[in-house]
Full PDB file with SEQRES, HELIX, SHEET, SSBOND, CRYST1, ORIGX, SCALE, CONECT and MASTER records, all heavy atoms in Angstrom:
SEQRES   1 A   42  ARG PRO ILE LEU GLY PRO ALA GLU ARG VAL GLN ALA PHE          
SEQRES   2 A   42  ALA GLN GLY ASP LEU ALA GLY PHE VAL ASP GLU HIS TYR          
SEQRES   3 A   42  GLY PRO ASP ARG MET ILE PHE ALA ALA ALA GLY ALA VAL          
SEQRES   4 A   42  ASP HIS ASP                                                  
HELIX    1 AA1 ALA A    7  VAL A   10  1                                   4    
HELIX    2 AA2 GLN A   15  HIS A   25  1                                  11    
HELIX    3 AA3 PRO A   28  ARG A   30  5                                   3    
CRYST1    1.000    1.000    1.000  90.00  90.00  90.00 P 1           1          
ORIGX1      1.000000  0.000000  0.000000        0.00000                         
ORIGX2      0.000000  1.000000  0.000000        0.00000                         
ORIGX3      0.000000  0.000000  1.000000        0.00000                         
SCALE1      1.000000  0.000000  0.000000        0.00000                         
SCALE2      0.000000  1.000000  0.000000        0.00000                         
SCALE3      0.000000  0.000000  1.000000        0.00000                         
ATOM      1  N   ARG A   1      65.862  -9.205  13.375  1.00  0.00           N  
ATOM      2  CA  ARG A   1      64.915  -9.984  12.608  1.00  0.00           C  
ATOM      3  C   ARG A   1      64.702  -9.316  11.233  1.00  0.00           C  
ATOM      4  O   ARG A   1      64.774  -8.123  11.089  1.00  0.00           O  
ATOM      5  CB  ARG A   1      63.578 -10.135  13.348  1.00  0.00           C  
ATOM      6  CG  ARG A   1      63.715 -10.994  14.604  1.00  0.00           C  
ATOM      7  CD  ARG A   1      62.394 -11.427  15.144  1.00  0.00           C  
ATOM      8  NE  ARG A   1      61.743 -10.323  15.863  1.00  0.00           N  
ATOM      9  CZ  ARG A   1      61.758 -10.129  17.190  1.00  0.00           C  
ATOM     10  NH1 ARG A   1      62.512 -10.921  17.930  1.00  0.00           N  
ATOM     11  NH2 ARG A   1      61.113  -9.117  17.755  1.00  0.00           N  
ATOM     12  N   PRO A   2      64.372 -10.150  10.225  1.00  0.00           N  
ATOM     13  CA  PRO A   2      64.170  -9.563   8.860  1.00  0.00           C  
ATOM     14  C   PRO A   2      62.902  -8.698   8.780  1.00  0.00           C  
ATOM     15  O   PRO A   2      61.891  -9.053   9.407  1.00  0.00           O  
ATOM     16  CB  PRO A   2      64.039 -10.800   7.952  1.00  0.00           C  
ATOM     17  CG  PRO A   2      63.587 -11.916   8.902  1.00  0.00           C  
ATOM     18  CD  PRO A   2      64.210 -11.585  10.217  1.00  0.00           C  
ATOM     19  N   ILE A   3      62.964  -7.635   8.023  1.00  0.00           N  
ATOM     20  CA  ILE A   3      61.831  -6.715   7.920  1.00  0.00           C  
ATOM     21  C   ILE A   3      60.636  -7.415   7.254  1.00  0.00           C  
ATOM     22  O   ILE A   3      59.493  -7.163   7.640  1.00  0.00           O  
ATOM     23  CB  ILE A   3      62.232  -5.435   7.175  1.00  0.00           C  
ATOM     24  CG1 ILE A   3      63.220  -4.621   8.045  1.00  0.00           C  
ATOM     25  CG2 ILE A   3      61.003  -4.634   6.777  1.00  0.00           C  
ATOM     26  CD1 ILE A   3      63.834  -3.436   7.337  1.00  0.00           C  
ATOM     27  N   LEU A   4      60.892  -8.249   6.262  1.00  0.00           N  
ATOM     28  CA  LEU A   4      59.796  -8.917   5.562  1.00  0.00           C  
ATOM     29  C   LEU A   4      59.074  -9.932   6.443  1.00  0.00           C  
ATOM     30  O   LEU A   4      57.901 -10.225   6.249  1.00  0.00           O  
ATOM     31  CB  LEU A   4      60.292  -9.607   4.313  1.00  0.00           C  
ATOM     32  CG  LEU A   4      60.911  -8.724   3.219  1.00  0.00           C  
ATOM     33  CD1 LEU A   4      61.261  -9.584   1.989  1.00  0.00           C  
ATOM     34  CD2 LEU A   4      59.963  -7.596   2.810  1.00  0.00           C  
ATOM     35  N   GLY A   5      59.788 -10.457   7.421  1.00  0.00           N  
ATOM     36  CA  GLY A   5      59.251 -11.493   8.303  1.00  0.00           C  
ATOM     37  C   GLY A   5      59.277 -12.843   7.676  1.00  0.00           C  
ATOM     38  O   GLY A   5      59.480 -12.962   6.425  1.00  0.00           O  
ATOM     39  N   PRO A   6      59.169 -13.918   8.436  1.00  0.00           N  
ATOM     40  CA  PRO A   6      59.176 -15.254   7.899  1.00  0.00           C  
ATOM     41  C   PRO A   6      57.824 -15.577   7.266  1.00  0.00           C  
ATOM     42  O   PRO A   6      56.760 -15.056   7.678  1.00  0.00           O  
ATOM     43  CB  PRO A   6      59.425 -16.141   9.118  1.00  0.00           C  
ATOM     44  CG  PRO A   6      58.870 -15.331  10.275  1.00  0.00           C  
ATOM     45  CD  PRO A   6      59.120 -13.898   9.929  1.00  0.00           C  
ATOM     46  N   ALA A   7      57.833 -16.401   6.239  1.00  0.00           N  
ATOM     47  CA  ALA A   7      56.603 -16.724   5.478  1.00  0.00           C  
ATOM     48  C   ALA A   7      55.487 -17.250   6.379  1.00  0.00           C  
ATOM     49  O   ALA A   7      54.335 -16.924   6.200  1.00  0.00           O  
ATOM     50  CB  ALA A   7      56.936 -17.721   4.390  1.00  0.00           C  
ATOM     51  N   GLU A   8      55.867 -18.061   7.383  1.00  0.00           N  
ATOM     52  CA  GLU A   8      54.855 -18.675   8.231  1.00  0.00           C  
ATOM     53  C   GLU A   8      54.100 -17.626   9.055  1.00  0.00           C  
ATOM     54  O   GLU A   8      52.913 -17.764   9.377  1.00  0.00           O  
ATOM     55  CB  GLU A   8      55.470 -19.751   9.175  1.00  0.00           C  
ATOM     56  CG  GLU A   8      56.557 -19.262  10.128  1.00  0.00           C  
ATOM     57  CD  GLU A   8      57.939 -19.350   9.498  1.00  0.00           C  
ATOM     58  OE1 GLU A   8      58.082 -19.416   8.259  1.00  0.00           O  
ATOM     59  OE2 GLU A   8      58.941 -19.380  10.290  1.00  0.00           O  
ATOM     60  N   ARG A   9      54.777 -16.531   9.437  1.00  0.00           N  
ATOM     61  CA  ARG A   9      54.047 -15.486  10.166  1.00  0.00           C  
ATOM     62  C   ARG A   9      53.185 -14.654   9.201  1.00  0.00           C  
ATOM     63  O   ARG A   9      52.078 -14.261   9.569  1.00  0.00           O  
ATOM     64  CB  ARG A   9      55.035 -14.592  10.903  1.00  0.00           C  
ATOM     65  CG  ARG A   9      55.792 -15.322  11.998  1.00  0.00           C  
ATOM     66  CD  ARG A   9      56.153 -14.409  13.153  1.00  0.00           C  
ATOM     67  NE  ARG A   9      56.946 -15.141  14.140  1.00  0.00           N  
ATOM     68  CZ  ARG A   9      56.470 -15.879  15.094  1.00  0.00           C  
ATOM     69  NH1 ARG A   9      55.161 -16.029  15.192  1.00  0.00           N  
ATOM     70  NH2 ARG A   9      57.253 -16.518  15.964  1.00  0.00           N  
ATOM     71  N   VAL A  10      53.724 -14.340   8.042  1.00  0.00           N  
ATOM     72  CA  VAL A  10      52.985 -13.567   7.065  1.00  0.00           C  
ATOM     73  C   VAL A  10      51.683 -14.299   6.692  1.00  0.00           C  
ATOM     74  O   VAL A  10      50.634 -13.706   6.481  1.00  0.00           O  
ATOM     75  CB  VAL A  10      53.851 -13.307   5.840  1.00  0.00           C  
ATOM     76  CG1 VAL A  10      53.016 -12.698   4.674  1.00  0.00           C  
ATOM     77  CG2 VAL A  10      54.998 -12.361   6.205  1.00  0.00           C  
ATOM     78  N   GLN A  11      51.774 -15.634   6.614  1.00  0.00           N  
ATOM     79  CA  GLN A  11      50.595 -16.431   6.279  1.00  0.00           C  
ATOM     80  C   GLN A  11      49.510 -16.388   7.355  1.00  0.00           C  
ATOM     81  O   GLN A  11      48.365 -16.659   7.070  1.00  0.00           O  
ATOM     82  CB  GLN A  11      51.026 -17.894   6.047  1.00  0.00           C  
ATOM     83  CG  GLN A  11      51.776 -18.088   4.745  1.00  0.00           C  
ATOM     84  CD  GLN A  11      52.429 -19.473   4.643  1.00  0.00           C  
ATOM     85  OE1 GLN A  11      52.680 -20.154   5.638  1.00  0.00           O  
ATOM     86  NE2 GLN A  11      52.712 -19.890   3.421  1.00  0.00           N  
ATOM     87  N   ALA A  12      49.896 -15.981   8.561  1.00  0.00           N  
ATOM     88  CA  ALA A  12      48.956 -16.000   9.683  1.00  0.00           C  
ATOM     89  C   ALA A  12      48.344 -14.647  10.045  1.00  0.00           C  
ATOM     90  O   ALA A  12      47.358 -14.612  10.793  1.00  0.00           O  
ATOM     91  CB  ALA A  12      49.639 -16.587  10.931  1.00  0.00           C  
ATOM     92  N   PHE A  13      48.896 -13.537   9.585  1.00  0.00           N  
ATOM     93  CA  PHE A  13      48.385 -12.236   9.944  1.00  0.00           C  
ATOM     94  C   PHE A  13      46.952 -12.062   9.503  1.00  0.00           C  
ATOM     95  O   PHE A  13      46.596 -12.449   8.370  1.00  0.00           O  
ATOM     96  CB  PHE A  13      49.251 -11.125   9.359  1.00  0.00           C  
ATOM     97  CG  PHE A  13      50.624 -11.040   9.991  1.00  0.00           C  
ATOM     98  CD1 PHE A  13      51.689 -10.725   9.170  1.00  0.00           C  
ATOM     99  CD2 PHE A  13      50.834 -11.261  11.304  1.00  0.00           C  
ATOM    100  CE1 PHE A  13      52.990 -10.645   9.700  1.00  0.00           C  
ATOM    101  CE2 PHE A  13      52.070 -11.159  11.881  1.00  0.00           C  
ATOM    102  CZ  PHE A  13      53.170 -10.851  11.087  1.00  0.00           C  
ATOM    103  N   ALA A  14      46.145 -11.454  10.368  1.00  0.00           N  
ATOM    104  CA  ALA A  14      44.748 -11.200  10.068  1.00  0.00           C  
ATOM    105  C   ALA A  14      44.448  -9.705  10.259  1.00  0.00           C  
ATOM    106  O   ALA A  14      45.288  -8.915  10.699  1.00  0.00           O  
ATOM    107  CB  ALA A  14      43.844 -12.049  10.926  1.00  0.00           C  
ATOM    108  N   GLN A  15      43.212  -9.338   9.946  1.00  0.00           N  
ATOM    109  CA  GLN A  15      42.773  -7.950  10.083  1.00  0.00           C  
ATOM    110  C   GLN A  15      43.042  -7.343  11.446  1.00  0.00           C  
ATOM    111  O   GLN A  15      43.536  -6.237  11.596  1.00  0.00           O  
ATOM    112  CB  GLN A  15      41.275  -7.868   9.771  1.00  0.00           C  
ATOM    113  CG  GLN A  15      40.697  -6.452   9.679  1.00  0.00           C  
ATOM    114  CD  GLN A  15      39.211  -6.488   9.401  1.00  0.00           C  
ATOM    115  OE1 GLN A  15      38.445  -7.086  10.167  1.00  0.00           O  
ATOM    116  NE2 GLN A  15      38.798  -5.854   8.314  1.00  0.00           N  
ATOM    117  N   GLY A  16      42.781  -8.140  12.501  1.00  0.00           N  
ATOM    118  CA  GLY A  16      43.000  -7.628  13.862  1.00  0.00           C  
ATOM    119  C   GLY A  16      44.463  -7.357  14.169  1.00  0.00           C  
ATOM    120  O   GLY A  16      44.761  -6.444  14.951  1.00  0.00           O  
ATOM    121  N   ASP A  17      45.368  -8.110  13.579  1.00  0.00           N  
ATOM    122  CA  ASP A  17      46.809  -7.906  13.807  1.00  0.00           C  
ATOM    123  C   ASP A  17      47.247  -6.564  13.205  1.00  0.00           C  
ATOM    124  O   ASP A  17      48.000  -5.832  13.811  1.00  0.00           O  
ATOM    125  CB  ASP A  17      47.602  -9.048  13.163  1.00  0.00           C  
ATOM    126  CG  ASP A  17      47.299 -10.385  13.764  1.00  0.00           C  
ATOM    127  OD1 ASP A  17      47.327 -10.534  14.981  1.00  0.00           O  
ATOM    128  OD2 ASP A  17      46.973 -11.323  12.983  1.00  0.00           O  
ATOM    129  N   LEU A  18      46.757  -6.276  12.016  1.00  0.00           N  
ATOM    130  CA  LEU A  18      47.114  -5.030  11.344  1.00  0.00           C  
ATOM    131  C   LEU A  18      46.494  -3.816  12.123  1.00  0.00           C  
ATOM    132  O   LEU A  18      47.235  -2.854  12.428  1.00  0.00           O  
ATOM    133  CB  LEU A  18      46.540  -5.028   9.948  1.00  0.00           C  
ATOM    134  CG  LEU A  18      47.188  -6.075   8.979  1.00  0.00           C  
ATOM    135  CD1 LEU A  18      46.315  -6.228   7.769  1.00  0.00           C  
ATOM    136  CD2 LEU A  18      48.573  -5.637   8.568  1.00  0.00           C  
ATOM    137  N   ALA A  19      45.241  -3.891  12.477  1.00  0.00           N  
ATOM    138  CA  ALA A  19      44.609  -2.801  13.221  1.00  0.00           C  
ATOM    139  C   ALA A  19      45.292  -2.631  14.596  1.00  0.00           C  
ATOM    140  O   ALA A  19      45.449  -1.504  15.053  1.00  0.00           O  
ATOM    141  CB  ALA A  19      43.112  -3.102  13.406  1.00  0.00           C  
ATOM    142  N   GLY A  20      45.691  -3.748  15.205  1.00  0.00           N  
ATOM    143  CA  GLY A  20      46.339  -3.653  16.501  1.00  0.00           C  
ATOM    144  C   GLY A  20      47.682  -2.933  16.440  1.00  0.00           C  
ATOM    145  O   GLY A  20      48.031  -2.175  17.385  1.00  0.00           O  
ATOM    146  N   PHE A  21      48.462  -3.178  15.386  1.00  0.00           N  
ATOM    147  CA  PHE A  21      49.763  -2.503  15.285  1.00  0.00           C  
ATOM    148  C   PHE A  21      49.569  -1.015  15.046  1.00  0.00           C  
ATOM    149  O   PHE A  21      50.309  -0.186  15.578  1.00  0.00           O  
ATOM    150  CB  PHE A  21      50.561  -3.102  14.110  1.00  0.00           C  
ATOM    151  CG  PHE A  21      52.017  -2.706  14.108  1.00  0.00           C  
ATOM    152  CD1 PHE A  21      52.930  -3.332  14.931  1.00  0.00           C  
ATOM    153  CD2 PHE A  21      52.465  -1.680  13.292  1.00  0.00           C  
ATOM    154  CE1 PHE A  21      54.285  -2.962  14.942  1.00  0.00           C  
ATOM    155  CE2 PHE A  21      53.807  -1.314  13.300  1.00  0.00           C  
ATOM    156  CZ  PHE A  21      54.720  -1.935  14.135  1.00  0.00           C  
ATOM    157  N   VAL A  22      48.554  -0.667  14.253  1.00  0.00           N  
ATOM    158  CA  VAL A  22      48.210   0.765  14.059  1.00  0.00           C  
ATOM    159  C   VAL A  22      47.851   1.408  15.346  1.00  0.00           C  
ATOM    160  O   VAL A  22      48.364   2.489  15.753  1.00  0.00           O  
ATOM    161  CB  VAL A  22      47.064   0.924  13.045  1.00  0.00           C  
ATOM    162  CG1 VAL A  22      46.547   2.346  13.034  1.00  0.00           C  
ATOM    163  CG2 VAL A  22      47.517   0.532  11.652  1.00  0.00           C  
ATOM    164  N   ASP A  23      46.972   0.782  16.140  1.00  0.00           N  
ATOM    165  CA  ASP A  23      46.551   1.333  17.427  1.00  0.00           C  
ATOM    166  C   ASP A  23      47.723   1.474  18.392  1.00  0.00           C  
ATOM    167  O   ASP A  23      47.776   2.415  19.199  1.00  0.00           O  
ATOM    168  CB  ASP A  23      45.487   0.452  18.043  1.00  0.00           C  
ATOM    169  CG  ASP A  23      44.142   0.536  17.297  1.00  0.00           C  
ATOM    170  OD1 ASP A  23      43.932   1.520  16.570  1.00  0.00           O  
ATOM    171  OD2 ASP A  23      43.314  -0.409  17.482  1.00  0.00           O  
ATOM    172  N   GLU A  24      48.660   0.531  18.320  1.00  0.00           N  
ATOM    173  CA  GLU A  24      49.812   0.542  19.240  1.00  0.00           C  
ATOM    174  C   GLU A  24      50.881   1.558  18.871  1.00  0.00           C  
ATOM    175  O   GLU A  24      51.496   2.142  19.763  1.00  0.00           O  
ATOM    176  CB  GLU A  24      50.394  -0.856  19.251  1.00  0.00           C  
ATOM    177  CG  GLU A  24      51.401  -1.118  20.372  1.00  0.00           C  
ATOM    178  CD  GLU A  24      51.859  -2.561  20.422  1.00  0.00           C  
ATOM    179  OE1 GLU A  24      51.256  -3.422  19.727  1.00  0.00           O  
ATOM    180  OE2 GLU A  24      52.789  -2.844  21.164  1.00  0.00           O  
ATOM    181  N   HIS A  25      51.066   1.816  17.590  1.00  0.00           N  
ATOM    182  CA  HIS A  25      52.234   2.614  17.180  1.00  0.00           C  
ATOM    183  C   HIS A  25      51.937   3.854  16.318  1.00  0.00           C  
ATOM    184  O   HIS A  25      52.826   4.709  16.183  1.00  0.00           O  
ATOM    185  CB  HIS A  25      53.211   1.717  16.407  1.00  0.00           C  
ATOM    186  CG  HIS A  25      53.797   0.621  17.243  1.00  0.00           C  
ATOM    187  ND1 HIS A  25      54.725   0.882  18.262  1.00  0.00           N  
ATOM    188  CD2 HIS A  25      53.586  -0.731  17.246  1.00  0.00           C  
ATOM    189  CE1 HIS A  25      55.050  -0.273  18.801  1.00  0.00           C  
ATOM    190  NE2 HIS A  25      54.365  -1.259  18.232  1.00  0.00           N  
ATOM    191  N   TYR A  26      50.789   3.946  15.716  1.00  0.00           N  
ATOM    192  CA  TYR A  26      50.518   5.054  14.809  1.00  0.00           C  
ATOM    193  C   TYR A  26      49.847   6.236  15.488  1.00  0.00           C  
ATOM    194  O   TYR A  26      48.802   6.734  15.024  1.00  0.00           O  
ATOM    195  CB  TYR A  26      49.680   4.567  13.581  1.00  0.00           C  
ATOM    196  CG  TYR A  26      50.540   3.907  12.500  1.00  0.00           C  
ATOM    197  CD1 TYR A  26      51.579   3.036  12.788  1.00  0.00           C  
ATOM    198  CD2 TYR A  26      50.246   4.135  11.169  1.00  0.00           C  
ATOM    199  CE1 TYR A  26      52.321   2.430  11.827  1.00  0.00           C  
ATOM    200  CE2 TYR A  26      51.020   3.526  10.164  1.00  0.00           C  
ATOM    201  CZ  TYR A  26      52.017   2.697  10.523  1.00  0.00           C  
ATOM    202  OH  TYR A  26      52.800   2.086   9.492  1.00  0.00           O  
ATOM    203  N   GLY A  27      50.401   6.674  16.594  1.00  0.00           N  
ATOM    204  CA  GLY A  27      49.894   7.834  17.294  1.00  0.00           C  
ATOM    205  C   GLY A  27      50.454   9.112  16.714  1.00  0.00           C  
ATOM    206  O   GLY A  27      51.505   9.112  16.063  1.00  0.00           O  
ATOM    207  N   PRO A  28      49.842  10.250  16.919  1.00  0.00           N  
ATOM    208  CA  PRO A  28      50.319  11.526  16.377  1.00  0.00           C  
ATOM    209  C   PRO A  28      51.725  11.931  16.819  1.00  0.00           C  
ATOM    210  O   PRO A  28      52.499  12.554  16.054  1.00  0.00           O  
ATOM    211  CB  PRO A  28      49.269  12.549  16.809  1.00  0.00           C  
ATOM    212  CG  PRO A  28      48.612  11.928  17.994  1.00  0.00           C  
ATOM    213  CD  PRO A  28      48.643  10.456  17.765  1.00  0.00           C  
ATOM    214  N   ASP A  29      52.089  11.536  18.038  1.00  0.00           N  
ATOM    215  CA  ASP A  29      53.443  11.888  18.521  1.00  0.00           C  
ATOM    216  C   ASP A  29      54.517  11.050  17.878  1.00  0.00           C  
ATOM    217  O   ASP A  29      55.696  11.343  17.994  1.00  0.00           O  
ATOM    218  CB  ASP A  29      53.501  11.665  20.064  1.00  0.00           C  
ATOM    219  CG  ASP A  29      53.136  10.236  20.477  1.00  0.00           C  
ATOM    220  OD1 ASP A  29      52.198   9.692  19.861  1.00  0.00           O  
ATOM    221  OD2 ASP A  29      53.767   9.701  21.388  1.00  0.00           O  
ATOM    222  N   ARG A  30      54.154  10.013  17.112  1.00  0.00           N  
ATOM    223  CA  ARG A  30      55.120   9.191  16.379  1.00  0.00           C  
ATOM    224  C   ARG A  30      55.182   9.560  14.916  1.00  0.00           C  
ATOM    225  O   ARG A  30      55.870   8.953  14.134  1.00  0.00           O  
ATOM    226  CB  ARG A  30      54.723   7.708  16.503  1.00  0.00           C  
ATOM    227  CG  ARG A  30      54.630   7.186  17.926  1.00  0.00           C  
ATOM    228  CD  ARG A  30      55.952   6.841  18.525  1.00  0.00           C  
ATOM    229  NE  ARG A  30      56.620   5.723  17.875  1.00  0.00           N  
ATOM    230  CZ  ARG A  30      56.342   4.421  18.095  1.00  0.00           C  
ATOM    231  NH1 ARG A  30      55.413   4.098  18.967  1.00  0.00           N  
ATOM    232  NH2 ARG A  30      57.016   3.484  17.478  1.00  0.00           N  
ATOM    233  N   MET A  31      54.386  10.584  14.496  1.00  0.00           N  
ATOM    234  CA  MET A  31      54.272  10.951  13.088  1.00  0.00           C  
ATOM    235  C   MET A  31      54.982  12.272  12.821  1.00  0.00           C  
ATOM    236  O   MET A  31      54.893  13.206  13.591  1.00  0.00           O  
ATOM    237  CB  MET A  31      52.804  11.070  12.688  1.00  0.00           C  
ATOM    238  CG  MET A  31      52.027   9.780  12.760  1.00  0.00           C  
ATOM    239  SD  MET A  31      50.310  10.027  12.192  1.00  0.00           S  
ATOM    240  CE  MET A  31      49.737   8.311  12.186  1.00  0.00           C  
ATOM    241  N   ILE A  32      55.706  12.287  11.704  1.00  0.00           N  
ATOM    242  CA  ILE A  32      56.371  13.523  11.246  1.00  0.00           C  
ATOM    243  C   ILE A  32      55.960  13.751   9.797  1.00  0.00           C  
ATOM    244  O   ILE A  32      56.207  12.896   8.947  1.00  0.00           O  
ATOM    245  CB  ILE A  32      57.894  13.352  11.333  1.00  0.00           C  
ATOM    246  CG1 ILE A  32      58.342  13.062  12.780  1.00  0.00           C  
ATOM    247  CG2 ILE A  32      58.611  14.607  10.815  1.00  0.00           C  
ATOM    248  CD1 ILE A  32      59.724  12.514  12.894  1.00  0.00           C  
ATOM    249  N   PHE A  33      55.343  14.894   9.545  1.00  0.00           N  
ATOM    250  CA  PHE A  33      55.006  15.256   8.187  1.00  0.00           C  
ATOM    251  C   PHE A  33      56.195  16.104   7.661  1.00  0.00           C  
ATOM    252  O   PHE A  33      56.553  17.141   8.272  1.00  0.00           O  
ATOM    253  CB  PHE A  33      53.720  16.072   8.109  1.00  0.00           C  
ATOM    254  CG  PHE A  33      53.367  16.467   6.699  1.00  0.00           C  
ATOM    255  CD1 PHE A  33      52.529  15.663   5.929  1.00  0.00           C  
ATOM    256  CD2 PHE A  33      53.878  17.631   6.144  1.00  0.00           C  
ATOM    257  CE1 PHE A  33      52.211  16.032   4.625  1.00  0.00           C  
ATOM    258  CE2 PHE A  33      53.552  18.008   4.831  1.00  0.00           C  
ATOM    259  CZ  PHE A  33      52.726  17.184   4.068  1.00  0.00           C  
ATOM    260  N   ALA A  34      56.792  15.739   6.540  1.00  0.00           N  
ATOM    261  CA  ALA A  34      57.894  16.477   5.980  1.00  0.00           C  
ATOM    262  C   ALA A  34      57.592  16.757   4.521  1.00  0.00           C  
ATOM    263  O   ALA A  34      57.006  15.931   3.801  1.00  0.00           O  
ATOM    264  CB  ALA A  34      59.205  15.673   6.104  1.00  0.00           C  
ATOM    265  N   ALA A  35      57.931  17.987   4.101  1.00  0.00           N  
ATOM    266  CA  ALA A  35      57.747  18.382   2.710  1.00  0.00           C  
ATOM    267  C   ALA A  35      58.824  19.280   2.240  1.00  0.00           C  
ATOM    268  O   ALA A  35      59.319  20.127   3.031  1.00  0.00           O  
ATOM    269  CB  ALA A  35      56.360  19.067   2.544  1.00  0.00           C  
ATOM    270  N   ALA A  36      59.234  19.158   1.005  1.00  0.00           N  
ATOM    271  CA  ALA A  36      60.272  20.016   0.428  1.00  0.00           C  
ATOM    272  C   ALA A  36      59.966  20.346  -1.000  1.00  0.00           C  
ATOM    273  O   ALA A  36      59.310  19.538  -1.699  1.00  0.00           O  
ATOM    274  CB  ALA A  36      61.642  19.372   0.562  1.00  0.00           C  
ATOM    275  N   GLY A  37      60.409  21.489  -1.426  1.00  0.00           N  
ATOM    276  CA  GLY A  37      60.137  21.917  -2.844  1.00  0.00           C  
ATOM    277  C   GLY A  37      59.351  23.230  -2.812  1.00  0.00           C  
ATOM    278  O   GLY A  37      59.634  24.112  -2.066  1.00  0.00           O  
ATOM    279  N   ALA A  38      58.313  23.264  -3.661  1.00  0.00           N  
ATOM    280  CA  ALA A  38      57.471  24.447  -3.802  1.00  0.00           C  
ATOM    281  C   ALA A  38      56.433  24.490  -2.704  1.00  0.00           C  
ATOM    282  O   ALA A  38      55.216  24.379  -2.962  1.00  0.00           O  
ATOM    283  CB  ALA A  38      56.858  24.474  -5.178  1.00  0.00           C  
ATOM    284  N   VAL A  39      56.892  24.576  -1.466  1.00  0.00           N  
ATOM    285  CA  VAL A  39      55.933  24.483  -0.348  1.00  0.00           C  
ATOM    286  C   VAL A  39      55.596  25.868   0.218  1.00  0.00           C  
ATOM    287  O   VAL A  39      56.385  26.778   0.163  1.00  0.00           O  
ATOM    288  CB  VAL A  39      56.532  23.607   0.756  1.00  0.00           C  
ATOM    289  CG1 VAL A  39      56.829  22.221   0.285  1.00  0.00           C  
ATOM    290  CG2 VAL A  39      57.848  24.236   1.321  1.00  0.00           C  
ATOM    291  N   ASP A  40      54.395  25.958   0.757  1.00  0.00           N  
ATOM    292  CA  ASP A  40      53.908  27.095   1.501  1.00  0.00           C  
ATOM    293  C   ASP A  40      53.634  26.569   2.936  1.00  0.00           C  
ATOM    294  O   ASP A  40      52.680  25.826   3.176  1.00  0.00           O  
ATOM    295  CB  ASP A  40      52.621  27.655   0.893  1.00  0.00           C  
ATOM    296  CG  ASP A  40      52.062  28.837   1.669  1.00  0.00           C  
ATOM    297  OD1 ASP A  40      52.244  28.927   2.878  1.00  0.00           O  
ATOM    298  OD2 ASP A  40      51.413  29.675   1.025  1.00  0.00           O  
ATOM    299  N   HIS A  41      54.517  26.881   3.887  1.00  0.00           N  
ATOM    300  CA  HIS A  41      54.458  26.261   5.205  1.00  0.00           C  
ATOM    301  C   HIS A  41      53.106  26.541   5.887  1.00  0.00           C  
ATOM    302  O   HIS A  41      52.535  25.633   6.453  1.00  0.00           O  
ATOM    303  CB  HIS A  41      55.565  26.756   6.082  1.00  0.00           C  
ATOM    304  CG  HIS A  41      55.619  26.115   7.456  1.00  0.00           C  
ATOM    305  ND1 HIS A  41      56.052  24.810   7.662  1.00  0.00           N  
ATOM    306  CD2 HIS A  41      55.189  26.604   8.668  1.00  0.00           C  
ATOM    307  CE1 HIS A  41      55.953  24.520   8.923  1.00  0.00           C  
ATOM    308  NE2 HIS A  41      55.393  25.542   9.567  1.00  0.00           N  
ATOM    309  N   ASP A  42      52.641  27.755   5.817  1.00  0.00           N  
ATOM    310  CA  ASP A  42      51.377  28.069   6.458  1.00  0.00           C  
ATOM    311  C   ASP A  42      50.189  27.274   5.904  1.00  0.00           C  
ATOM    312  O   ASP A  42      49.336  26.808   6.634  1.00  0.00           O  
ATOM    313  CB  ASP A  42      51.087  29.590   6.357  1.00  0.00           C  
ATOM    314  CG  ASP A  42      52.077  30.439   7.154  1.00  0.00           C  
ATOM    315  OD1 ASP A  42      52.712  29.861   8.108  1.00  0.00           O  
ATOM    316  OD2 ASP A  42      52.253  31.621   6.851  1.00  0.00           O  
TER     317      ASP A  42                                                      
MASTER        0    0    0    3    0    0    0    6  316    1    0    4          
END                                                                             
């Protein structure tokens, strides 16, 4: 399926849909913080 989604679905998304996707997928075990350059790891 296309990443942008079809216009008819985009027209229907509401606040609860966005919050629900965050609750479902944005857990700490799914997150990777990456940094490069003038970094101090500690």
